[in-house]
Amino acid sequence: MSRLTTLSVLLCVLHASTQRSTPADDHYVAAVVEYQVSNDVSANLQNYANLIKDASGQNADIIVFPELTLSRGRSVVVPIHGILKDYPVPALRPDLYDEVLVTISSAARQNAIYVVINIEELVDCTHDNSEYCPEPERYLFNTNVVFDRTGAVIDRYRKINLFGEYTRMPALQPDLGVFSTDFGVKFGHFVCFDLMFQVPAVQLVDKYNLTDIIFPTMWFSEMPYLTAVQIQEAYAYSMNVNFLGAGANNVRVGSAGSGIYSGKAGALVSTMPGVPTTRLLVAKVPKVPGKVSGTYPGPIYDDPSTQDDLVLISDPSLPSHITRTLTPGFQEITLTDKDVTCHFKVRLNKRNTDTYYRYRAAAFSGVRSFSGVATGGSRLCSVVACTNDTIQSCGHRFPKYVENATSVFEELEIIAEVPKPIIDEAVETTDSAYFPVSLDTAIMPLEISEYTFEEKHTSTINIYEYKLKNFDTGLYAFGIWGRVYETDGEDATPAVDETNNGIVVRIRIVLLLLSLFVGFNI
């Protein structure tokens, strides 16, 4: 290497070092990438390298890429228990490693930035003695790989909960992904469908007392409770963690949505594009989740009409919900399904349009299917939009965006009474978790200032109170959505016969009395 080249590299490293966050700082700078899916590995590698450079140029300490958007159709060996122990920097030994590891290691090293990627990992157990191998065969895993500022591979995590992915294996040992940084933050990380499960999504935070989570994903957004940004923000809020979500972008199958969130402060920056998009999101993240100061980008709202081509699936358990149709005016409703009781207070005004959404209050305690690949326990209390008067139309949008098709909620309050969570001793974490979920016409959750969410405890139940504050927003959904992990794997709850469902319901129409005394029209 020439003296001039050596000097250039040194200056580059020195320049980057002046931008680094330190353990003494009260924040760090994070970047996540919404990345348009492509099968061209060479182009992806170049794009990744450019995005790493761009993030470093914006003082980012760490950048996160989505699930399986780098080496689609190509598997990579990550010998973290083998030669990486002796030669941890692929950039310095390109003869030993796949081009993917070498390129990302070089970009991390040149830009002095932590990098998290997700790849399909190959383990050939016919001759590799460094890995745990139940059988002498070849295994494919969905794997996160973490590089530090020097380009060294410092952690590897294999996805535990696969969403289909029939050619891949879940992690043979449920090891949790954890790594520490030179700026004083310890991160946990997992992948996509893992978010729905106790292990690792809840266990990881509780076991290591973590405040920062990394989440590469190729999410298939599902209305009305599980669209990408909606559930990312809800998880960050309920777990009170900083959450770095990087989403693959493929609107034809409903994959979109990325963001950086800080506990109960909500989205520092987020996006849910309805058109093919690659977008770098950067934000300053407080080391104490929710303790935000100064300015930050906030949610990026796209025109809802551009999301007509964003294909969204619908929650298959909706026909199993206990529901009651909401009518214009004021109403109080109580719905009970097994061990969950939902109290609703609603004042609803329909807009003067020919095409409009109907709304139902809903309660559910049972087991739902996740697109036929797994089942999971759920408890919820919610208000959901429907395209007509049938329950089958709930959780869907009109094929084309219709302005002012949502009703105006002048009052909306939901109180959920659910069994008190208990500690699952086997995994040292709670057996259930509850999240405030909302969805507006931009396929985004409400901002933190637009609602209140409170949790109260008694000796036998937890009470969650969710109240709307912004009455101008157009709502598709507003609810308290819970996961009950002990019933995972059981058969999905059958649909309700709405003509004879035996539900316990009481409705008080207060406006009827008001109309008698003050002449208020219902």
Foldseek 3Di string as FASTA:
>chain_A
DDPVVVVVLVVLVVVLVVLAAAQPDQWAKEKEKAAEADQPQVVLLVVVLVLLQVCLVVSHQEYEAAFARHHNPDAFADLVQPCCVVVQACCVVVVVTDPSLNSVLVSLQSSQHKYKYWHWYKDQQLPDPRDDDPDRGIAIFTKIWIAGSNSGTDWMATAQDDPPPVRHDHPPDLDWTWDAHRRNFIETEHEAVCCQAVVPNVLVCQVVVHQEYEYHYQYQAAPDFRQPQQVQQQSCAQSQHWYWYHWYDDQQRQTFKTFTAFHLQTTLEMEGFQDRDIDMAMFIYGRRGPPDDDHGDYYDFDDLQSNLNRDHHYFPCLLAWDKDWDDAAWKWKWWDDVFKIKIKTWHWAADPDPFAWTKIWTWDFWKGDDVPPWIFTKTKTKMATARDDDSVRTRDDDSGDDPRRAIFTPWIKMKMKGWDWDADVVSGGTQKTKTWGWQFSSRHGDRSVQKDWDWDDDPTIIMIMIIGRDRPTGTRMTMIMMTGHVCIRPDGDDGAPNVDRPIDMDMDRVVVVVCVPPVDDD
